PDB file of all heavy atoms in Angstrom:
ATOM      1  N   THR A   1     257.811  90.080  19.696  1.00  0.00           N
ATOM      2  CA  THR A   1     256.892  90.261  20.818  1.00  0.00           C
ATOM      3  C   THR A   1     255.713  91.113  20.370  1.00  0.00           C
ATOM      4  O   THR A   1     255.897  92.159  19.753  1.00  0.00           O
ATOM      5  CB  THR A   1     257.604  90.935  22.009  1.00  0.00           C
ATOM      6  OG1 THR A   1     258.829  90.259  22.258  1.00  0.00           O
ATOM      7  CG2 THR A   1     256.740  90.881  23.256  1.00  0.00           C
ATOM      8  N   VAL A   2     254.505  90.640  20.685  1.00  0.00           N
ATOM      9  CA  VAL A   2     253.273  91.313  20.288  1.00  0.00           C
ATOM     10  C   VAL A   2     252.606  91.862  21.544  1.00  0.00           C
ATOM     11  O   VAL A   2     252.156  91.101  22.400  1.00  0.00           O
ATOM     12  CB  VAL A   2     252.327  90.355  19.548  1.00  0.00           C
ATOM     13  CG1 VAL A   2     251.020  91.059  19.188  1.00  0.00           C
ATOM     14  CG2 VAL A   2     253.008  89.800  18.295  1.00  0.00           C
ATOM     15  N   HIS A   3     252.555  93.185  21.653  1.00  0.00           N
ATOM     16  CA  HIS A   3     251.939  93.833  22.811  1.00  0.00           C
ATOM     17  C   HIS A   3     250.500  94.262  22.536  1.00  0.00           C
ATOM     18  O   HIS A   3     249.723  94.431  23.473  1.00  0.00           O
ATOM     19  CB  HIS A   3     252.763  95.058  23.223  1.00  0.00           C
ATOM     20  CG  HIS A   3     254.136  94.729  23.716  1.00  0.00           C
ATOM     21  ND1 HIS A   3     254.407  94.420  25.029  1.00  0.00           N
ATOM     22  CD2 HIS A   3     255.333  94.629  23.068  1.00  0.00           C
ATOM     23  CE1 HIS A   3     255.700  94.169  25.184  1.00  0.00           C
ATOM     24  NE2 HIS A   3     256.278  94.283  23.996  1.00  0.00           N
ATOM     25  N   ASN A   4     250.156  94.453  21.262  1.00  0.00           N
ATOM     26  CA  ASN A   4     248.796  94.839  20.872  1.00  0.00           C
ATOM     27  C   ASN A   4     248.457  94.195  19.540  1.00  0.00           C
ATOM     28  O   ASN A   4     249.344  93.989  18.699  1.00  0.00           O
ATOM     29  CB  ASN A   4     248.670  96.361  20.731  1.00  0.00           C
ATOM     30  CG  ASN A   4     248.934  97.098  22.023  1.00  0.00           C
ATOM     31  OD1 ASN A   4     250.053  97.526  22.267  1.00  0.00           O
ATOM     32  ND2 ASN A   4     247.922  97.245  22.852  1.00  0.00           N
ATOM     33  N   SER A   5     247.188  93.912  19.336  1.00  0.00           N
ATOM     34  CA  SER A   5     246.758  93.332  18.070  1.00  0.00           C
ATOM     35  C   SER A   5     246.864  94.365  16.950  1.00  0.00           C
ATOM     36  O   SER A   5     246.513  95.535  17.141  1.00  0.00           O
ATOM     37  CB  SER A   5     245.311  92.842  18.173  1.00  0.00           C
ATOM     38  OG  SER A   5     245.210  91.764  19.080  1.00  0.00           O
ATOM     39  N   LEU A   6     247.309  93.909  15.793  1.00  0.00           N
ATOM     40  CA  LEU A   6     247.452  94.820  14.654  1.00  0.00           C
ATOM     41  C   LEU A   6     246.130  95.457  14.253  1.00  0.00           C
ATOM     42  O   LEU A   6     246.096  96.603  13.798  1.00  0.00           O
ATOM     43  CB  LEU A   6     248.029  94.053  13.463  1.00  0.00           C
ATOM     44  CG  LEU A   6     249.548  94.053  13.303  1.00  0.00           C
ATOM     45  CD1 LEU A   6     249.967  93.109  12.190  1.00  0.00           C
ATOM     46  CD2 LEU A   6     250.066  95.461  13.027  1.00  0.00           C
ATOM     47  N   LYS A   7     245.027  94.749  14.443  1.00  0.00           N
ATOM     48  CA  LYS A   7     243.723  95.305  14.055  1.00  0.00           C
ATOM     49  C   LYS A   7     243.367  96.537  14.871  1.00  0.00           C
ATOM     50  O   LYS A   7     242.497  97.328  14.477  1.00  0.00           O
ATOM     51  CB  LYS A   7     242.630  94.243  14.194  1.00  0.00           C
ATOM     52  CG  LYS A   7     242.368  93.768  15.607  1.00  0.00           C
ATOM     53  CD  LYS A   7     241.320  92.678  15.631  1.00  0.00           C
ATOM     54  CE  LYS A   7     241.060  92.165  17.044  1.00  0.00           C
ATOM     55  NZ  LYS A   7     240.504  93.190  17.934  1.00  0.00           N
ATOM     56  N   ASP A   8     244.053  96.725  16.012  1.00  0.00           N
ATOM     57  CA  ASP A   8     243.754  97.864  16.878  1.00  0.00           C
ATOM     58  C   ASP A   8     244.782  98.983  16.783  1.00  0.00           C
ATOM     59  O   ASP A   8     244.683  99.970  17.509  1.00  0.00           O
ATOM     60  CB  ASP A   8     243.675  97.393  18.337  1.00  0.00           C
ATOM     61  CG  ASP A   8     242.524  96.431  18.578  1.00  0.00           C
ATOM     62  OD1 ASP A   8     241.457  96.639  17.969  1.00  0.00           O
ATOM     63  OD2 ASP A   8     242.694  95.472  19.352  1.00  0.00           O
ATOM     64  N   TYR A   9     245.777  98.837  15.900  1.00  0.00           N
ATOM     65  CA  TYR A   9     246.787  99.893  15.765  1.00  0.00           C
ATOM     66  C   TYR A   9     246.135 101.185  15.285  1.00  0.00           C
ATOM     67  O   TYR A   9     245.261 101.165  14.407  1.00  0.00           O
ATOM     68  CB  TYR A   9     247.875  99.470  14.768  1.00  0.00           C
ATOM     69  CG  TYR A   9     249.037  98.731  15.391  1.00  0.00           C
ATOM     70  CD1 TYR A   9     248.832  97.781  16.379  1.00  0.00           C
ATOM     71  CD2 TYR A   9     250.342  98.972  14.976  1.00  0.00           C
ATOM     72  CE1 TYR A   9     249.893  97.094  16.939  1.00  0.00           C
ATOM     73  CE2 TYR A   9     251.421  98.282  15.530  1.00  0.00           C
ATOM     74  CZ  TYR A   9     251.183  97.347  16.515  1.00  0.00           C
ATOM     75  OH  TYR A   9     252.239  96.664  17.077  1.00  0.00           O
ATOM     76  N   GLU A  10     246.577 102.304  15.861  1.00  0.00           N
ATOM     77  CA  GLU A  10     246.052 103.618  15.460  1.00  0.00           C
ATOM     78  C   GLU A  10     246.811 104.125  14.235  1.00  0.00           C
ATOM     79  O   GLU A  10     247.568 105.089  14.298  1.00  0.00           O
ATOM     80  CB  GLU A  10     246.167 104.596  16.629  1.00  0.00           C
ATOM     81  CG  GLU A  10     245.320 104.199  17.830  1.00  0.00           C
ATOM     82  CD  GLU A  10     245.494 105.136  19.000  1.00  0.00           C
ATOM     83  OE1 GLU A  10     244.842 106.198  19.004  1.00  0.00           O
ATOM     84  OE2 GLU A  10     246.284 104.821  19.909  1.00  0.00           O
ATOM     85  N   VAL A  11     246.623 103.420  13.120  1.00  0.00           N
ATOM     86  CA  VAL A  11     247.268 103.773  11.854  1.00  0.00           C
ATOM     87  C   VAL A  11     246.223 103.691  10.752  1.00  0.00           C
ATOM     88  O   VAL A  11     245.143 103.130  10.932  1.00  0.00           O
ATOM     89  CB  VAL A  11     248.455 102.830  11.538  1.00  0.00           C
ATOM     90  CG1 VAL A  11     249.556 102.976  12.570  1.00  0.00           C
ATOM     91  CG2 VAL A  11     247.995 101.366  11.460  1.00  0.00           C
ATOM     92  N   CYS A  12     246.568 104.230   9.581  1.00  0.00           N
ATOM     93  CA  CYS A  12     245.640 104.168   8.459  1.00  0.00           C
ATOM     94  C   CYS A  12     245.560 102.738   7.929  1.00  0.00           C
ATOM     95  O   CYS A  12     246.415 101.898   8.204  1.00  0.00           O
ATOM     96  CB  CYS A  12     246.071 105.128   7.353  1.00  0.00           C
ATOM     97  SG  CYS A  12     247.599 104.638   6.504  1.00  0.00           S
ATOM     98  N   SER A  13     244.516 102.458   7.161  1.00  0.00           N
ATOM     99  CA  SER A  13     244.281 101.094   6.681  1.00  0.00           C
ATOM    100  C   SER A  13     245.418 100.605   5.784  1.00  0.00           C
ATOM    101  O   SER A  13     245.763  99.418   5.792  1.00  0.00           O
ATOM    102  CB  SER A  13     242.953 101.015   5.934  1.00  0.00           C
ATOM    103  OG  SER A  13     242.914 101.953   4.874  1.00  0.00           O
ATOM    104  N   LEU A  14     246.037 101.519   5.008  1.00  0.00           N
ATOM    105  CA  LEU A  14     247.138 101.119   4.132  1.00  0.00           C
ATOM    106  C   LEU A  14     248.349 100.669   4.961  1.00  0.00           C
ATOM    107  O   LEU A  14     248.975  99.646   4.660  1.00  0.00           O
ATOM    108  CB  LEU A  14     247.535 102.273   3.208  1.00  0.00           C
ATOM    109  CG  LEU A  14     248.705 101.993   2.246  1.00  0.00           C
ATOM    110  CD1 LEU A  14     248.351 100.834   1.319  1.00  0.00           C
ATOM    111  CD2 LEU A  14     249.058 103.247   1.451  1.00  0.00           C
ATOM    112  N   THR A  15     248.666 101.425   6.016  1.00  0.00           N
ATOM    113  CA  THR A  15     249.788 101.053   6.875  1.00  0.00           C
ATOM    114  C   THR A  15     249.511  99.723   7.579  1.00  0.00           C
ATOM    115  O   THR A  15     250.403  98.874   7.688  1.00  0.00           O
ATOM    116  CB  THR A  15     250.048 102.154   7.925  1.00  0.00           C
ATOM    117  OG1 THR A  15     250.339 103.378   7.258  1.00  0.00           O
ATOM    118  CG2 THR A  15     251.217 101.786   8.834  1.00  0.00           C
ATOM    119  N   ARG A  16     248.269  99.560   8.040  1.00  0.00           N
ATOM    120  CA  ARG A  16     247.924  98.295   8.699  1.00  0.00           C
ATOM    121  C   ARG A  16     248.075  97.139   7.716  1.00  0.00           C
ATOM    122  O   ARG A  16     248.593  96.086   8.066  1.00  0.00           O
ATOM    123  CB  ARG A  16     246.500  98.359   9.247  1.00  0.00           C
ATOM    124  CG  ARG A  16     246.103  97.108  10.036  1.00  0.00           C
ATOM    125  CD  ARG A  16     244.708  97.211  10.615  1.00  0.00           C
ATOM    126  NE  ARG A  16     244.638  98.236  11.644  1.00  0.00           N
ATOM    127  CZ  ARG A  16     244.068  99.420  11.497  1.00  0.00           C
ATOM    128  NH1 ARG A  16     243.495  99.738  10.339  1.00  0.00           N
ATOM    129  NH2 ARG A  16     244.051 100.298  12.475  1.00  0.00           N
ATOM    130  N   TRP A  17     247.613  97.310   6.491  1.00  0.00           N
ATOM    131  CA  TRP A  17     247.746  96.251   5.478  1.00  0.00           C
ATOM    132  C   TRP A  17     249.225  95.936   5.235  1.00  0.00           C
ATOM    133  O   TRP A  17     249.603  94.759   5.125  1.00  0.00           O
ATOM    134  CB  TRP A  17     247.094  96.701   4.167  1.00  0.00           C
ATOM    135  CG  TRP A  17     247.351  95.733   3.044  1.00  0.00           C
ATOM    136  CD1 TRP A  17     246.657  94.607   2.734  1.00  0.00           C
ATOM    137  CD2 TRP A  17     248.446  95.804   2.101  1.00  0.00           C
ATOM    138  NE1 TRP A  17     247.229  93.964   1.663  1.00  0.00           N
ATOM    139  CE2 TRP A  17     248.327  94.665   1.250  1.00  0.00           C
ATOM    140  CE3 TRP A  17     249.487  96.691   1.901  1.00  0.00           C
ATOM    141  CZ2 TRP A  17     249.224  94.421   0.213  1.00  0.00           C
ATOM    142  CZ3 TRP A  17     250.383  96.444   0.868  1.00  0.00           C
ATOM    143  CH2 TRP A  17     250.247  95.328   0.034  1.00  0.00           C
ATOM    144  N   PHE A  18     250.056  96.975   5.170  1.00  0.00           N
ATOM    145  CA  PHE A  18     251.485  96.750   4.954  1.00  0.00           C
ATOM    146  C   PHE A  18     252.075  95.906   6.078  1.00  0.00           C
ATOM    147  O   PHE A  18     252.810  94.947   5.830  1.00  0.00           O
ATOM    148  CB  PHE A  18     252.232  98.085   4.864  1.00  0.00           C
ATOM    149  CG  PHE A  18     253.729  97.919   4.767  1.00  0.00           C
ATOM    150  CD1 PHE A  18     254.350  97.707   3.545  1.00  0.00           C
ATOM    151  CD2 PHE A  18     254.523  97.949   5.916  1.00  0.00           C
ATOM    152  CE1 PHE A  18     255.732  97.530   3.465  1.00  0.00           C
ATOM    153  CE2 PHE A  18     255.899  97.776   5.849  1.00  0.00           C
ATOM    154  CZ  PHE A  18     256.503  97.568   4.613  1.00  0.00           C
ATOM    155  N   TYR A  19     251.760  96.262   7.321  1.00  0.00           N
ATOM    156  CA  TYR A  19     252.316  95.523   8.452  1.00  0.00           C
ATOM    157  C   TYR A  19     251.844  94.071   8.454  1.00  0.00           C
ATOM    158  O   TYR A  19     252.635  93.146   8.672  1.00  0.00           O
ATOM    159  CB  TYR A  19     251.928  96.191   9.774  1.00  0.00           C
ATOM    160  CG  TYR A  19     252.820  97.345  10.165  1.00  0.00           C
ATOM    161  CD1 TYR A  19     252.283  98.521  10.671  1.00  0.00           C
ATOM    162  CD2 TYR A  19     254.205  97.257  10.046  1.00  0.00           C
ATOM    163  CE1 TYR A  19     253.091  99.592  11.043  1.00  0.00           C
ATOM    164  CE2 TYR A  19     255.017  98.316  10.409  1.00  0.00           C
ATOM    165  CZ  TYR A  19     254.467  99.476  10.911  1.00  0.00           C
ATOM    166  OH  TYR A  19     255.267 100.520  11.273  1.00  0.00           O
ATOM    167  N   ILE A  20     250.546  93.860   8.220  1.00  0.00           N
ATOM    168  CA  ILE A  20     250.024  92.487   8.222  1.00  0.00           C
ATOM    169  C   ILE A  20     250.713  91.663   7.143  1.00  0.00           C
ATOM    170  O   ILE A  20     251.152  90.526   7.381  1.00  0.00           O
ATOM    171  CB  ILE A  20     248.493  92.496   8.006  1.00  0.00           C
ATOM    172  CG1 ILE A  20     247.803  93.066   9.247  1.00  0.00           C
ATOM    173  CG2 ILE A  20     247.982  91.086   7.726  1.00  0.00           C
ATOM    174  CD1 ILE A  20     246.305  93.278   9.078  1.00  0.00           C
ATOM    175  N   THR A  21     250.842  92.249   5.963  1.00  0.00           N
ATOM    176  CA  THR A  21     251.490  91.530   4.853  1.00  0.00           C
ATOM    177  C   THR A  21     252.967  91.291   5.135  1.00  0.00           C
ATOM    178  O   THR A  21     253.475  90.176   4.945  1.00  0.00           O
ATOM    179  CB  THR A  21     251.328  92.329   3.547  1.00  0.00           C
ATOM    180  OG1 THR A  21     249.936  92.549   3.289  1.00  0.00           O
ATOM    181  CG2 THR A  21     251.946  91.579   2.382  1.00  0.00           C
ATOM    182  N   ALA A  22     253.662  92.327   5.584  1.00  0.00           N
ATOM    183  CA  ALA A  22     255.099  92.216   5.843  1.00  0.00           C
ATOM    184  C   ALA A  22     255.398  91.219   6.952  1.00  0.00           C
ATOM    185  O   ALA A  22     256.347  90.412   6.852  1.00  0.00           O
ATOM    186  CB  ALA A  22     255.668  93.586   6.202  1.00  0.00           C
ATOM    187  N   LEU A  23     254.589  91.231   7.994  1.00  0.00           N
ATOM    188  CA  LEU A  23     254.830  90.310   9.103  1.00  0.00           C
ATOM    189  C   LEU A  23     254.473  88.876   8.726  1.00  0.00           C
ATOM    190  O   LEU A  23     255.127  87.930   9.178  1.00  0.00           O
ATOM    191  CB  LEU A  23     254.034  90.759  10.339  1.00  0.00           C
ATOM    192  CG  LEU A  23     254.544  92.061  10.960  1.00  0.00           C
ATOM    193  CD1 LEU A  23     253.588  92.563  12.038  1.00  0.00           C
ATOM    194  CD2 LEU A  23     255.939  91.886  11.548  1.00  0.00           C
ATOM    195  N   ARG A  24     253.477  88.712   7.874  1.00  0.00           N
ATOM    196  CA  ARG A  24     253.142  87.363   7.423  1.00  0.00           C
ATOM    197  C   ARG A  24     254.274  86.805   6.548  1.00  0.00           C
ATOM    198  O   ARG A  24     254.663  85.638   6.684  1.00  0.00           O
ATOM    199  CB  ARG A  24     251.830  87.403   6.628  1.00  0.00           C
ATOM    200  CG  ARG A  24     251.317  86.010   6.251  1.00  0.00           C
ATOM    201  CD  ARG A  24     250.024  86.108   5.468  1.00  0.00           C
ATOM    202  NE  ARG A  24     248.934  86.616   6.296  1.00  0.00           N
ATOM    203  CZ  ARG A  24     248.094  87.570   5.934  1.00  0.00           C
ATOM    204  NH1 ARG A  24     248.233  88.167   4.761  1.00  0.00           N
ATOM    205  NH2 ARG A  24     247.118  87.943   6.724  1.00  0.00           N
ATOM    206  N   LEU A  25     254.835  87.653   5.685  1.00  0.00           N
ATOM    207  CA  LEU A  25     255.910  87.192   4.799  1.00  0.00           C
ATOM    208  C   LEU A  25     257.200  86.898   5.565  1.00  0.00           C
ATOM    209  O   LEU A  25     257.963  86.009   5.177  1.00  0.00           O
ATOM    210  CB  LEU A  25     256.179  88.250   3.719  1.00  0.00           C
ATOM    211  CG  LEU A  25     255.076  88.432   2.670  1.00  0.00           C
ATOM    212  CD1 LEU A  25     255.393  89.614   1.762  1.00  0.00           C
ATOM    213  CD2 LEU A  25     254.913  87.154   1.848  1.00  0.00           C
TER     214      LEU A  25
END
């Protein structure tokens, strides 16, 4: 379930990249 877009997460760019990559895989 996606409640907010990952591009808007209040996290650092490295953490955001990790989530995008991990969720895509």
